[in-house]
Protein backbone atom coordinates (compact mmCIF):
# COMPACT_ATOMS: atom_id res chain seq x y z
CA MET A 1 -11.08 10.53 1.78
CA ILE A 2 -10.80 6.76 2.46
CA ILE A 3 -9.12 4.88 5.28
CA ALA A 4 -6.50 2.54 3.84
CA HIS A 5 -5.05 -0.30 5.21
CA PHE A 6 -1.37 -0.81 4.10
CA ILE A 7 -1.13 -5.08 4.52
CA VAL A 8 2.46 -6.21 4.10
CA LYS A 9 2.81 -10.37 4.51
CA GLY A 10 -0.60 -10.25 5.78
CA GLU A 11 0.01 -7.96 8.62
CA GLU A 12 -1.13 -4.36 9.02
CA ARG A 13 1.62 -1.73 8.99
CA GLU A 14 0.11 1.33 8.20
CA LEU A 15 -3.24 3.04 8.47
CA ARG A 16 -4.33 6.21 6.44
CA GLN A 17 -6.63 8.29 5.10
CA VAL A 18 -5.90 8.97 1.54
CA THR A 19 -7.89 10.16 -1.58
CA GLU A 20 -9.80 7.73 -3.63
CA GLN A 21 -8.22 9.31 -6.71
CA TRP A 22 -4.89 9.07 -5.20
CA LEU A 23 -5.68 5.27 -4.36
CA HIS A 24 -7.03 4.12 -7.85
CA GLU A 25 -4.09 6.02 -9.63
CA ALA A 26 -1.46 4.33 -7.39
CA CYS A 27 -3.05 0.95 -7.90
CA ALA A 28 -3.08 1.01 -11.47
CA ASN A 29 0.32 2.11 -11.91
CA HIS A 30 1.41 -0.59 -9.07
CA GLU A 31 3.32 2.80 -7.55
CA ASN A 32 5.57 2.67 -4.46
CA VAL A 33 4.06 3.66 -1.10
CA LEU A 34 6.83 5.19 1.62
CA LEU A 35 5.93 3.61 4.92
CA SER A 36 6.77 5.13 8.35
CA ASP A 37 9.66 2.45 8.42
CA GLY A 38 11.16 4.45 5.71
CA ASN A 39 10.98 1.81 2.94
CA PRO A 40 9.15 1.98 0.02
CA TYR A 41 6.63 -0.94 -0.65
CA GLU A 42 5.00 -1.84 -4.22
CA ILE A 43 1.21 -2.01 -4.45
CA VAL A 44 0.30 -5.46 -5.66
CA ASP A 45 -3.56 -5.62 -4.58
CA MET A 46 -6.21 -3.30 -3.45
CA HIS A 47 -9.92 -4.00 -2.52
CA TYR A 48 -12.59 -2.68 -0.64
CA THR A 49 -13.54 -4.31 2.94
CA GLU A 50 -17.00 -4.58 4.28
CA SER A 51 -16.48 -1.37 6.36
CA GLY A 52 -15.97 0.57 3.17
CA HIS A 53 -12.28 0.83 3.98
CA ALA A 54 -9.52 -0.18 1.44
CA ARG A 55 -7.20 -2.91 1.96
CA VAL A 56 -4.08 -2.31 0.24
CA ASP A 57 -1.58 -5.47 -0.24
CA LEU A 58 2.10 -4.28 -0.30
CA MET A 59 5.13 -6.17 -1.90
CA ALA A 60 8.29 -5.99 0.54
CA PRO A 61 11.17 -3.68 -0.70
CA ARG A 62 13.89 -5.84 -2.65
CA PHE A 63 17.42 -4.66 -2.31
CA ALA A 64 20.03 -5.56 -4.81
CA ARG A 65 23.52 -6.77 -3.99
CA GLY A 66 26.26 -4.32 -4.81
CA GLY A 67 28.89 -5.90 -7.20
């Protein structure tokens, strides 16, 4: 297990303990992560910090306009 810091626009939004396998697969597939605010965020980048945690950069959801 690893501590993942989920970051949106430079701001830490959530901290979770996840498996490294899930983290690597989610990053490789640019999967969406559902945060506690109820919105899905796309993984855009991930790297390990000096403390051994993972910094996971997310892109805010984009909403389509109805037509």
